[in-house]
C-alpha atoms as a PDB file:
ATOM      1  CA  MET A   1     126.369 -16.822  75.160  1.00  0.00           C
ATOM      2  CA  GLY A   2     128.371 -17.569  72.027  1.00  0.00           C
ATOM      3  CA  GLY A   3     132.131 -17.803  71.863  1.00  0.00           C
ATOM      4  CA  HIS A   4     134.765 -15.409  70.656  1.00  0.00           C
ATOM      5  CA  ILE A   5     135.928 -14.566  67.153  1.00  0.00           C
ATOM      6  CA  LEU A   6     139.713 -14.778  66.956  1.00  0.00           C
ATOM      7  CA  VAL A   7     141.225 -12.105  64.697  1.00  0.00           C
ATOM      8  CA  THR A   8     144.907 -12.762  64.001  1.00  0.00           C
ATOM      9  CA  GLY A   9     146.846  -9.646  63.056  1.00  0.00           C
ATOM     10  CA  GLY A  10     144.008  -7.820  64.804  1.00  0.00           C
ATOM     11  CA  ALA A  11     145.986  -4.663  65.612  1.00  0.00           C
ATOM     12  CA  GLY A  12     147.110  -4.159  62.006  1.00  0.00           C
ATOM     13  CA  PHE A  13     145.473  -1.940  59.412  1.00  0.00           C
ATOM     14  CA  ILE A  14     142.793  -4.343  58.191  1.00  0.00           C
ATOM     15  CA  GLY A  15     142.595  -6.322  61.435  1.00  0.00           C
ATOM     16  CA  SER A  16     141.859  -3.304  63.628  1.00  0.00           C
ATOM     17  CA  HIS A  17     139.016  -2.258  61.320  1.00  0.00           C
ATOM     18  CA  VAL A  18     137.622  -5.816  61.463  1.00  0.00           C
ATOM     19  CA  CYS A  19     137.796  -5.790  65.279  1.00  0.00           C
ATOM     20  CA  GLU A  20     136.004  -2.429  65.429  1.00  0.00           C
ATOM     21  CA  ARG A  21     133.241  -3.619  63.110  1.00  0.00           C
ATOM     22  CA  LEU A  22     132.719  -6.843  65.068  1.00  0.00           C
ATOM     23  CA  ILE A  23     132.617  -5.018  68.404  1.00  0.00           C
ATOM     24  CA  SER A  24     130.123  -2.511  67.007  1.00  0.00           C
ATOM     25  CA  SER A  25     127.902  -5.554  66.308  1.00  0.00           C
ATOM     26  CA  ASN A  26     128.337  -6.707  69.932  1.00  0.00           C
ATOM     27  CA  GLU A  27     130.578  -9.637  68.966  1.00  0.00           C
ATOM     28  CA  LYS A  28     133.231 -10.847  71.405  1.00  0.00           C
ATOM     29  CA  VAL A  29     136.686 -10.469  69.875  1.00  0.00           C
ATOM     30  CA  ILE A  30     140.101 -11.894  70.654  1.00  0.00           C
ATOM     31  CA  CYS A  31     142.833  -9.876  68.967  1.00  0.00           C
ATOM     32  CA  LEU A  32     146.131 -11.697  68.476  1.00  0.00           C
ATOM     33  CA  ASP A  33     149.072  -9.577  67.310  1.00  0.00           C
ATOM     34  CA  ASN A  34     152.810  -9.590  67.936  1.00  0.00           C
ATOM     35  CA  PHE A  35     153.362  -5.836  67.347  1.00  0.00           C
ATOM     36  CA  ASN A  36     156.536  -6.553  65.357  1.00  0.00           C
ATOM     37  CA  ASP A  37     158.921  -3.935  64.017  1.00  0.00           C
ATOM     38  CA  PHE A  38     158.094  -4.226  60.295  1.00  0.00           C
ATOM     39  CA  TYR A  39     156.866  -0.677  60.837  1.00  0.00           C
ATOM     40  CA  ASN A  40     156.667   1.391  64.033  1.00  0.00           C
ATOM     41  CA  PRO A  41     154.689  -0.724  66.561  1.00  0.00           C
ATOM     42  CA  GLN A  42     153.134   2.471  67.951  1.00  0.00           C
ATOM     43  CA  VAL A  43     151.031   2.583  64.762  1.00  0.00           C
ATOM     44  CA  LYS A  44     149.302  -0.618  65.890  1.00  0.00           C
ATOM     45  CA  GLU A  45     148.889   0.685  69.438  1.00  0.00           C
ATOM     46  CA  ASP A  46     147.108   3.707  67.939  1.00  0.00           C
ATOM     47  CA  ASN A  47     144.973   1.469  65.700  1.00  0.00           C
ATOM     48  CA  ILE A  48     143.304  -0.208  68.671  1.00  0.00           C
ATOM     49  CA  LYS A  49     143.269   2.672  71.166  1.00  0.00           C
ATOM     50  CA  ASP A  50     139.511   3.235  70.774  1.00  0.00           C
ATOM     51  CA  ILE A  51     138.581  -0.393  71.487  1.00  0.00           C
ATOM     52  CA  ILE A  52     141.250  -1.656  73.878  1.00  0.00           C
ATOM     53  CA  LYS A  53     139.103  -0.980  76.962  1.00  0.00           C
ATOM     54  CA  ASN A  54     135.915  -2.408  75.474  1.00  0.00           C
ATOM     55  CA  PRO A  55     134.695  -5.376  77.579  1.00  0.00           C
ATOM     56  CA  ASN A  56     134.120  -7.389  74.379  1.00  0.00           C
ATOM     57  CA  PHE A  57     137.772  -6.997  73.332  1.00  0.00           C
ATOM     58  CA  LYS A  58     140.651  -9.160  74.539  1.00  0.00           C
ATOM     59  CA  LEU A  59     144.208  -8.509  73.387  1.00  0.00           C
ATOM     60  CA  TYR A  60     146.975 -11.109  73.317  1.00  0.00           C
ATOM     61  CA  ARG A  61     150.473 -10.012  72.376  1.00  0.00           C
ATOM     62  CA  ALA A  62     151.939 -13.110  70.755  1.00  0.00           C
ATOM     63  CA  SER A  63     153.107 -14.403  67.380  1.00  0.00           C
ATOM     64  CA  ILE A  64     151.211 -16.941  65.290  1.00  0.00           C
ATOM     65  CA  THR A  65     154.579 -18.667  64.851  1.00  0.00           C
ATOM     66  CA  ASP A  66     154.654 -19.571  68.579  1.00  0.00           C
ATOM     67  CA  PHE A  67     152.450 -22.678  68.620  1.00  0.00           C
ATOM     68  CA  ASP A  68     152.465 -23.163  72.408  1.00  0.00           C
ATOM     69  CA  LYS A  69     151.555 -19.564  73.198  1.00  0.00           C
ATOM     70  CA  VAL A  70     148.713 -19.585  70.673  1.00  0.00           C
ATOM     71  CA  LYS A  71     147.489 -22.963  71.941  1.00  0.00           C
ATOM     72  CA  ASP A  72     147.275 -21.426  75.408  1.00  0.00           C
ATOM     73  CA  ILE A  73     144.929 -18.752  74.026  1.00  0.00           C
ATOM     74  CA  PHE A  74     142.708 -21.482  72.539  1.00  0.00           C
ATOM     75  CA  ASN A  75     142.730 -23.331  75.872  1.00  0.00           C
ATOM     76  CA  LYS A  76     141.690 -20.247  77.841  1.00  0.00           C
ATOM     77  CA  ASN A  77     138.910 -19.055  75.516  1.00  0.00           C
ATOM     78  CA  LYS A  78     135.927 -20.486  73.709  1.00  0.00           C
ATOM     79  CA  ILE A  79     136.619 -19.606  70.076  1.00  0.00           C
ATOM     80  CA  ASP A  80     133.861 -20.130  67.508  1.00  0.00           C
ATOM     81  CA  LYS A  81     135.343 -18.523  64.407  1.00  0.00           C
ATOM     82  CA  ILE A  82     138.712 -17.416  63.124  1.00  0.00           C
ATOM     83  CA  ILE A  83     139.517 -14.483  60.844  1.00  0.00           C
ATOM     84  CA  HIS A  84     143.168 -15.059  59.993  1.00  0.00           C
ATOM     85  CA  LEU A  85     144.738 -11.812  58.795  1.00  0.00           C
ATOM     86  CA  ALA A  86     148.202 -12.033  60.373  1.00  0.00           C
ATOM     87  CA  ALA A  87     150.937 -12.130  57.749  1.00  0.00           C
ATOM     88  CA  ARG A  88     154.294 -10.726  56.829  1.00  0.00           C
ATOM     89  CA  ALA A  89     153.360  -8.318  54.050  1.00  0.00           C
ATOM     90  CA  GLY A  90     155.274  -6.540  51.296  1.00  0.00           C
ATOM     91  CA  VAL A  91     156.630  -7.752  47.966  1.00  0.00           C
ATOM     92  CA  ARG A  92     160.098  -6.165  47.927  1.00  0.00           C
ATOM     93  CA  PRO A  93     161.123  -6.931  51.538  1.00  0.00           C
ATOM     94  CA  SER A  94     160.254 -10.596  50.934  1.00  0.00           C
ATOM     95  CA  PHE A  95     163.400 -10.939  48.827  1.00  0.00           C
ATOM     96  CA  GLU A  96     165.580  -9.441  51.579  1.00  0.00           C
ATOM     97  CA  ASP A  97     164.422 -11.749  54.376  1.00  0.00           C
ATOM     98  CA  PRO A  98     162.555 -14.669  52.773  1.00  0.00           C
ATOM     99  CA  TRP A  99     162.790 -16.789  55.930  1.00  0.00           C
ATOM    100  CA  ILE A 100     160.553 -14.526  57.995  1.00  0.00           C
ATOM    101  CA  TYR A 101     157.921 -14.697  55.233  1.00  0.00           C
ATOM    102  CA  GLN A 102     158.102 -18.483  55.223  1.00  0.00           C
ATOM    103  CA  GLU A 103     157.970 -18.546  59.039  1.00  0.00           C
ATOM    104  CA  THR A 104     154.984 -16.210  59.382  1.00  0.00           C
ATOM    105  CA  ASN A 105     152.880 -16.848  56.293  1.00  0.00           C
ATOM    106  CA  ILE A 106     153.348 -20.613  55.975  1.00  0.00           C
ATOM    107  CA  LYS A 107     154.256 -21.967  59.413  1.00  0.00           C
ATOM    108  CA  GLY A 108     152.071 -19.371  61.176  1.00  0.00           C
ATOM    109  CA  THR A 109     149.054 -20.240  59.022  1.00  0.00           C
ATOM    110  CA  LEU A 110     149.688 -23.939  59.595  1.00  0.00           C
ATOM    111  CA  ASN A 111     149.732 -23.350  63.373  1.00  0.00           C
ATOM    112  CA  ILE A 112     146.341 -21.605  63.269  1.00  0.00           C
ATOM    113  CA  LEU A 113     144.839 -24.288  61.017  1.00  0.00           C
ATOM    114  CA  LYS A 114     146.141 -27.082  63.239  1.00  0.00           C
ATOM    115  CA  LEU A 115     144.714 -25.467  66.370  1.00  0.00           C
ATOM    116  CA  ALA A 116     141.393 -24.808  64.624  1.00  0.00           C
ATOM    117  CA  LYS A 117     141.256 -28.501  63.762  1.00  0.00           C
ATOM    118  CA  ASP A 118     142.285 -29.625  67.254  1.00  0.00           C
ATOM    119  CA  PHE A 119     139.688 -27.394  68.944  1.00  0.00           C
ATOM    120  CA  GLY A 120     136.877 -28.268  66.536  1.00  0.00           C
ATOM    121  CA  ILE A 121     136.515 -24.803  65.020  1.00  0.00           C
ATOM    122  CA  LYS A 122     134.688 -25.198  61.746  1.00  0.00           C
ATOM    123  CA  ASN A 123     134.568 -21.607  60.489  1.00  0.00           C
ATOM    124  CA  PHE A 124     137.828 -20.179  59.185  1.00  0.00           C
ATOM    125  CA  ILE A 125     138.457 -17.118  57.020  1.00  0.00           C
ATOM    126  CA  SER A 126     141.968 -16.655  55.675  1.00  0.00           C
ATOM    127  CA  SER A 127     143.249 -13.561  53.895  1.00  0.00           C
ATOM    128  CA  SER A 128     145.278 -13.997  50.749  1.00  0.00           C
ATOM    129  CA  SER A 129     146.536 -11.509  48.195  1.00  0.00           C
ATOM    130  CA  SER A 130     146.123 -10.389  44.598  1.00  0.00           C
ATOM    131  CA  SER A 131     149.892 -11.035  44.367  1.00  0.00           C
ATOM    132  CA  VAL A 132     149.186 -14.741  43.791  1.00  0.00           C
ATOM    133  CA  TYR A 133     148.020 -13.902  40.242  1.00  0.00           C
ATOM    134  CA  GLY A 134     151.571 -12.916  39.312  1.00  0.00           C
ATOM    135  CA  THR A 135     152.009 -11.520  35.814  1.00  0.00           C
ATOM    136  CA  ASN A 136     148.769 -12.948  34.398  1.00  0.00           C
ATOM    137  CA  THR A 137     147.944 -10.904  31.318  1.00  0.00           C
ATOM    138  CA  GLU A 138     144.314 -11.937  31.055  1.00  0.00           C
ATOM    139  CA  VAL A 139     142.226  -9.424  33.005  1.00  0.00           C
ATOM    140  CA  PRO A 140     140.255  -9.139  35.151  1.00  0.00           C
ATOM    141  CA  PHE A 141     141.723 -11.855  37.396  1.00  0.00           C
ATOM    142  CA  SER A 142     139.200 -14.555  38.217  1.00  0.00           C
ATOM    143  CA  GLU A 143     139.525 -17.171  40.936  1.00  0.00           C
ATOM    144  CA  THR A 144     139.748 -20.020  38.420  1.00  0.00           C
ATOM    145  CA  MET A 145     142.960 -18.681  36.845  1.00  0.00           C
ATOM    146  CA  PRO A 146     146.229 -20.578  37.408  1.00  0.00           C
ATOM    147  CA  THR A 147     148.257 -19.077  40.274  1.00  0.00           C
ATOM    148  CA  ASP A 148     151.330 -21.283  40.173  1.00  0.00           C
ATOM    149  CA  ASN A 149     153.699 -18.706  38.678  1.00  0.00           C
ATOM    150  CA  PRO A 150     154.497 -16.250  41.517  1.00  0.00           C
ATOM    151  CA  VAL A 151     156.985 -13.442  40.946  1.00  0.00           C
ATOM    152  CA  SER A 152     157.781 -12.725  44.611  1.00  0.00           C
ATOM    153  CA  VAL A 153     158.568 -14.700  47.737  1.00  0.00           C
ATOM    154  CA  TYR A 154     155.605 -12.966  49.396  1.00  0.00           C
ATOM    155  CA  ALA A 155     153.233 -14.235  46.683  1.00  0.00           C
ATOM    156  CA  ALA A 156     154.691 -17.744  46.914  1.00  0.00           C
ATOM    157  CA  THR A 157     154.081 -17.859  50.678  1.00  0.00           C
ATOM    158  CA  LYS A 158     150.508 -16.582  50.332  1.00  0.00           C
ATOM    159  CA  LYS A 159     149.806 -19.218  47.669  1.00  0.00           C
ATOM    160  CA  SER A 160     151.316 -21.862  49.960  1.00  0.00           C
ATOM    161  CA  ALA A 161     148.968 -20.758  52.749  1.00  0.00           C
ATOM    162  CA  GLU A 162     145.994 -21.147  50.384  1.00  0.00           C
ATOM    163  CA  ILE A 163     147.056 -24.721  49.596  1.00  0.00           C
ATOM    164  CA  LEU A 164     147.344 -25.530  53.313  1.00  0.00           C
ATOM    165  CA  CYS A 165     143.806 -24.209  53.804  1.00  0.00           C
ATOM    166  CA  ARG A 166     142.584 -26.483  51.009  1.00  0.00           C
ATOM    167  CA  ALA A 167     144.278 -29.511  52.595  1.00  0.00           C
ATOM    168  CA  TYR A 168     142.680 -28.844  55.990  1.00  0.00           C
ATOM    169  CA  HIS A 169     139.260 -28.452  54.410  1.00  0.00           C
ATOM    170  CA  ASN A 170     139.686 -31.683  52.413  1.00  0.00           C
ATOM    171  CA  ASN A 171     140.681 -33.717  55.462  1.00  0.00           C
ATOM    172  CA  TYR A 172     138.811 -32.182  58.396  1.00  0.00           C
ATOM    173  CA  ASP A 173     135.561 -30.849  56.906  1.00  0.00           C
ATOM    174  CA  MET A 174     136.365 -27.275  57.958  1.00  0.00           C
ATOM    175  CA  ASN A 175     134.526 -24.369  56.338  1.00  0.00           C
ATOM    176  CA  ILE A 176     137.349 -22.275  54.933  1.00  0.00           C
ATOM    177  CA  THR A 177     136.953 -19.129  52.862  1.00  0.00           C
ATOM    178  CA  VAL A 178     140.121 -17.671  51.356  1.00  0.00           C
ATOM    179  CA  LEU A 179     139.760 -13.985  50.479  1.00  0.00           C
ATOM    180  CA  ARG A 180     142.189 -12.571  47.937  1.00  0.00           C
ATOM    181  CA  LEU A 181     142.493  -8.887  48.825  1.00  0.00           C
ATOM    182  CA  PHE A 182     143.401  -6.261  46.238  1.00  0.00           C
ATOM    183  CA  THR A 183     145.532  -3.299  47.463  1.00  0.00           C
ATOM    184  CA  VAL A 184     143.492  -2.211  50.459  1.00  0.00           C
ATOM    185  CA  TYR A 185     143.828   1.452  51.482  1.00  0.00           C
ATOM    186  CA  GLY A 186     142.110   3.970  53.745  1.00  0.00           C
ATOM    187  CA  PRO A 187     142.392   5.531  57.215  1.00  0.00           C
ATOM    188  CA  ARG A 188     145.103   3.831  59.321  1.00  0.00           C
ATOM    189  CA  GLY A 189     146.609   2.368  56.123  1.00  0.00           C
ATOM    190  CA  ARG A 190     150.041   0.786  56.459  1.00  0.00           C
ATOM    191  CA  PRO A 191     152.845   3.378  56.351  1.00  0.00           C
ATOM    192  CA  ASP A 192     154.910   1.257  53.928  1.00  0.00           C
ATOM    193  CA  MET A 193     152.204   1.192  51.241  1.00  0.00           C
ATOM    194  CA  ALA A 194     151.973   3.657  48.346  1.00  0.00           C
ATOM    195  CA  PRO A 195     148.818   5.549  49.467  1.00  0.00           C
ATOM    196  CA  HIS A 196     150.342   6.441  52.846  1.00  0.00           C
ATOM    197  CA  LYS A 197     153.927   6.817  51.635  1.00  0.00           C
ATOM    198  CA  PHE A 198     153.031   9.071  48.696  1.00  0.00           C
ATOM    199  CA  THR A 199     150.582  11.161  50.734  1.00  0.00           C
ATOM    200  CA  GLU A 200     153.150  11.752  53.470  1.00  0.00           C
ATOM    201  CA  LYS A 201     155.967  12.672  51.101  1.00  0.00           C
ATOM    202  CA  ILE A 202     153.817  14.961  48.915  1.00  0.00           C
ATOM    203  CA  PHE A 203     152.408  16.626  52.048  1.00  0.00           C
ATOM    204  CA  ASN A 204     155.957  17.207  53.356  1.00  0.00           C
ATOM    205  CA  GLY A 205     157.269  18.413  49.988  1.00  0.00           C
ATOM    206  CA  GLU A 206     159.583  15.407  49.683  1.00  0.00           C
ATOM    207  CA  GLU A 207     160.479  13.447  46.562  1.00  0.00           C
ATOM    208  CA  ILE A 208     158.515  10.280  45.739  1.00  0.00           C
ATOM    209  CA  GLU A 209     159.982   7.356  43.831  1.00  0.00           C
ATOM    210  CA  VAL A 210     157.873   6.159  40.907  1.00  0.00           C
ATOM    211  CA  TYR A 211     158.746   2.709  39.636  1.00  0.00           C
ATOM    212  CA  GLY A 212     158.726   2.343  35.863  1.00  0.00           C
ATOM    213  CA  ASP A 213     156.983   4.847  33.618  1.00  0.00           C
ATOM    214  CA  GLY A 214     153.900   5.368  35.817  1.00  0.00           C
ATOM    215  CA  THR A 215     151.572   3.273  33.651  1.00  0.00           C
ATOM    216  CA  SER A 216     151.318   0.284  36.020  1.00  0.00           C
ATOM    217  CA  LYS A 217     147.799  -0.175  37.378  1.00  0.00           C
ATOM    218  CA  ARG A 218     146.484  -1.257  40.773  1.00  0.00           C
ATOM    219  CA  ASP A 219     143.007  -2.243  41.856  1.00  0.00           C
ATOM    220  CA  TYR A 220     142.810  -0.034  44.959  1.00  0.00           C
ATOM    221  CA  THR A 221     140.070  -1.177  47.337  1.00  0.00           C
ATOM    222  CA  TYR A 222     138.739   1.011  50.139  1.00  0.00           C
ATOM    223  CA  ILE A 223     138.945  -0.431  53.632  1.00  0.00           C
ATOM    224  CA  LYS A 224     135.216  -0.206  54.415  1.00  0.00           C
ATOM    225  CA  ASP A 225     134.340  -2.198  51.292  1.00  0.00           C
ATOM    226  CA  VAL A 226     136.855  -4.917  52.207  1.00  0.00           C
ATOM    227  CA  ILE A 227     135.514  -5.115  55.770  1.00  0.00           C
ATOM    228  CA  ASP A 228     131.990  -5.532  54.362  1.00  0.00           C
ATOM    229  CA  GLY A 229     133.259  -8.543  52.390  1.00  0.00           C
ATOM    230  CA  ILE A 230     135.129 -10.101  55.325  1.00  0.00           C
ATOM    231  CA  VAL A 231     132.170  -9.723  57.702  1.00  0.00           C
ATOM    232  CA  ALA A 232     129.786 -11.178  55.111  1.00  0.00           C
ATOM    233  CA  ALA A 233     132.108 -14.176  54.640  1.00  0.00           C
ATOM    234  CA  LYS A 234     132.168 -15.018  58.345  1.00  0.00           C
ATOM    235  CA  GLU A 235     128.434 -15.806  58.236  1.00  0.00           C
ATOM    236  CA  LYS A 236     128.742 -18.288  55.361  1.00  0.00           C
ATOM    237  CA  ASN A 237     129.442 -22.006  55.305  1.00  0.00           C
ATOM    238  CA  PHE A 238     130.780 -22.610  51.823  1.00  0.00           C
ATOM    239  CA  GLY A 239     132.890 -25.669  52.479  1.00  0.00           C
ATOM    240  CA  PHE A 240     135.886 -24.266  50.625  1.00  0.00           C
ATOM    241  CA  GLU A 241     135.917 -21.143  48.448  1.00  0.00           C
ATOM    242  CA  ILE A 242     138.462 -18.660  47.144  1.00  0.00           C
ATOM    243  CA  ILE A 243     136.945 -15.215  46.577  1.00  0.00           C
ATOM    244  CA  ASN A 244     138.409 -11.955  45.235  1.00  0.00           C
ATOM    245  CA  LEU A 245     137.718  -8.760  47.179  1.00  0.00           C
ATOM    246  CA  GLY A 246     138.670  -5.822  44.994  1.00  0.00           C
ATOM    247  CA  ASN A 247     137.168  -2.650  43.575  1.00  0.00           C
ATOM    248  CA  SER A 248     137.427  -3.916  39.976  1.00  0.00           C
ATOM    249  CA  LYS A 249     138.509  -0.495  38.667  1.00  0.00           C
ATOM    250  CA  PRO A 250     142.308  -0.441  38.223  1.00  0.00           C
ATOM    251  CA  ILE A 251     143.933   2.986  38.420  1.00  0.00           C
ATOM    252  CA  GLU A 252     147.102   3.983  36.588  1.00  0.00           C
ATOM    253  CA  LEU A 253     149.921   5.088  38.896  1.00  0.00           C
ATOM    254  CA  LYS A 254     150.165   8.550  37.267  1.00  0.00           C
ATOM    255  CA  LYS A 255     146.429   9.087  37.792  1.00  0.00           C
ATOM    256  CA  PHE A 256     146.672   7.823  41.371  1.00  0.00           C
ATOM    257  CA  ILE A 257     149.388  10.387  42.161  1.00  0.00           C
ATOM    258  CA  SER A 258     147.356  13.190  40.583  1.00  0.00           C
ATOM    259  CA  ILE A 259     144.372  12.317  42.814  1.00  0.00           C
ATOM    260  CA  ILE A 260     146.580  12.616  45.916  1.00  0.00           C
ATOM    261  CA  GLU A 261     147.932  15.945  44.601  1.00  0.00           C
ATOM    262  CA  ASN A 262     144.377  17.266  44.181  1.00  0.00           C
ATOM    263  CA  CYS A 263     143.380  16.181  47.698  1.00  0.00           C
ATOM    264  CA  LEU A 264     146.428  17.820  49.284  1.00  0.00           C
ATOM    265  CA  GLY A 265     146.589  20.848  47.003  1.00  0.00           C
ATOM    266  CA  LYS A 266     150.300  20.138  46.416  1.00  0.00           C
ATOM    267  CA  LYS A 267     152.341  18.924  43.463  1.00  0.00           C
ATOM    268  CA  ALA A 268     154.440  15.786  43.743  1.00  0.00           C
ATOM    269  CA  LYS A 269     158.188  15.879  43.220  1.00  0.00           C
ATOM    270  CA  ILE A 270     158.756  12.726  41.203  1.00  0.00           C
ATOM    271  CA  LYS A 271     161.911  10.687  40.826  1.00  0.00           C
ATOM    272  CA  GLN A 272     161.538   7.917  38.246  1.00  0.00           C
ATOM    273  CA  VAL A 273     163.331   4.656  38.968  1.00  0.00           C
ATOM    274  CA  GLY A 274     163.286   1.244  37.289  1.00  0.00           C
ATOM    275  CA  MET A 275     160.652  -1.409  37.865  1.00  0.00           C
ATOM    276  CA  GLN A 276     161.371  -3.355  41.042  1.00  0.00           C
ATOM    277  CA  MET A 277     161.823  -7.084  41.380  1.00  0.00           C
ATOM    278  CA  GLY A 278     158.495  -8.754  42.121  1.00  0.00           C
ATOM    279  CA  ASP A 279     156.369  -5.905  40.735  1.00  0.00           C
ATOM    280  CA  VAL A 280     153.504  -6.719  38.377  1.00  0.00           C
ATOM    281  CA  PRO A 281     152.093  -4.444  35.652  1.00  0.00           C
ATOM    282  CA  ILE A 282     148.449  -4.709  36.732  1.00  0.00           C
ATOM    283  CA  THR A 283     146.082  -6.045  39.372  1.00  0.00           C
ATOM    284  CA  TYR A 284     142.408  -6.197  38.453  1.00  0.00           C
ATOM    285  CA  ALA A 285     139.791  -8.206  40.337  1.00  0.00           C
ATOM    286  CA  ASN A 286     136.873 -10.000  38.773  1.00  0.00           C
ATOM    287  CA  ILE A 287     134.385  -9.643  41.648  1.00  0.00           C
ATOM    288  CA  SER A 288     131.387 -11.463  40.155  1.00  0.00           C
ATOM    289  CA  LYS A 289     131.891 -14.390  42.569  1.00  0.00           C
ATOM    290  CA  ALA A 290     132.024 -12.044  45.575  1.00  0.00           C
ATOM    291  CA  LYS A 291     128.828 -10.352  44.364  1.00  0.00           C
ATOM    292  CA  LYS A 292     127.071 -13.679  43.990  1.00  0.00           C
ATOM    293  CA  LEU A 293     128.250 -15.391  47.197  1.00  0.00           C
ATOM    294  CA  LEU A 294     128.716 -12.448  49.576  1.00  0.00           C
ATOM    295  CA  ASN A 295     126.411  -9.807  48.084  1.00  0.00           C
ATOM    296  CA  TYR A 296     129.625  -7.786  47.877  1.00  0.00           C
ATOM    297  CA  SER A 297     129.325  -4.407  46.218  1.00  0.00           C
ATOM    298  CA  PRO A 298     132.197  -1.923  46.628  1.00  0.00           C
ATOM    299  CA  LYS A 299     130.826   1.597  47.010  1.00  0.00           C
ATOM    300  CA  VAL A 300     133.823   3.902  47.510  1.00  0.00           C
ATOM    301  CA  ASP A 301     135.592   5.084  44.357  1.00  0.00           C
ATOM    302  CA  ILE A 302     139.255   6.098  44.332  1.00  0.00           C
ATOM    303  CA  GLU A 303     138.618   9.869  44.414  1.00  0.00           C
ATOM    304  CA  GLU A 304     136.377   9.643  47.473  1.00  0.00           C
ATOM    305  CA  GLY A 305     138.605   7.043  49.143  1.00  0.00           C
ATOM    306  CA  ILE A 306     141.811   9.075  48.770  1.00  0.00           C
ATOM    307  CA  LYS A 307     139.956  12.183  49.996  1.00  0.00           C
ATOM    308  CA  LEU A 308     138.878  10.288  53.134  1.00  0.00           C
ATOM    309  CA  PHE A 309     142.398   8.936  53.607  1.00  0.00           C
ATOM    310  CA  ALA A 310     144.009  12.378  53.154  1.00  0.00           C
ATOM    311  CA  GLU A 311     141.584  13.905  55.691  1.00  0.00           C
ATOM    312  CA  TRP A 312     142.474  11.179  58.212  1.00  0.00           C
ATOM    313  CA  PHE A 313     146.202  11.612  57.507  1.00  0.00           C
ATOM    314  CA  ILE A 314     146.133  15.392  58.122  1.00  0.00           C
ATOM    315  CA  LYS A 315     143.979  15.020  61.240  1.00  0.00           C
ATOM    316  CA  SER A 316     146.262  12.347  62.735  1.00  0.00           C
ATOM    317  CA  LYS A 317     149.334  14.484  61.952  1.00  0.00           C
ATOM    318  CA  GLN A 318     147.787  17.438  63.746  1.00  0.00           C
ATOM    319  CA  SER A 319     146.793  15.369  66.786  1.00  0.00           C
ATOM    320  CA  LYS A 320     150.353  14.006  67.090  1.00  0.00           C
ATOM    321  CA  LYS A 321     151.652  17.588  66.954  1.00  0.00           C
ATOM    322  CA  ASN A 322     149.309  18.549  69.793  1.00  0.00           C
ATOM    323  CA  ASP A 323     150.247  15.584  72.015  1.00  0.00           C
END
């Protein structure tokens, strides 16, 4: 029998979907997550409630920043592959507590890379972010563009993690694929992100804050499409590659809000505020490399994706009310 796939951040939004997909393919999964308080930890407990009793699923509650604890997990399990999704996320909070971003995204990634090297694990997928492109004005963003001009601490730490991955590949012949993810949304989406935050506030008749004039654009990418890309990458041995996973159809903020309004049948109460530090005017993925190397082809457009998210949101709200 083959070994386990370690999924760091495996109880988070993207991680829990990855774990579910792998288990549905009869893969053996180790989920590593520290259930921190960046948002309500119960959200993560709910994310994995359908798989926690599956015999192919092992859960370890620990932080990637704790080298000895994570080493113990490597010692106790045969790990073949690593999908490294654990990170401290969020652009604005990264200015408030930059140290925790450095600790998690840089030191934490270094810990996982070092252990992968020490235990002879050759297949490593690391998640990065569209934030590394900063305020590049040339669109769409391609992987060959310079990414040495970050506008947030978060972006700087994600770029640093990419460079560490490159160094480990160069020196230890590890197969490392870095996936730059573009604003992932969908059922179980993080409560601090715009799709969830806006949907909840519009649903409750509360005011939403719109940064700037509403013309900023984001390349929203539906969770199922991203999982397709991640799972495809785990089967490849590229040496070292950086690959964008986006939808490649940026949506203006005003349009995005109107789609949520249509799905909920409610109008948004909008409060306009200034652009926030670290914000960028547009994210827009060139996905030709993902198409070529991963046969990646996003299928869910923003209207369908927000409809699916809104349906999940209402259903989960009702089930909480009935508990």
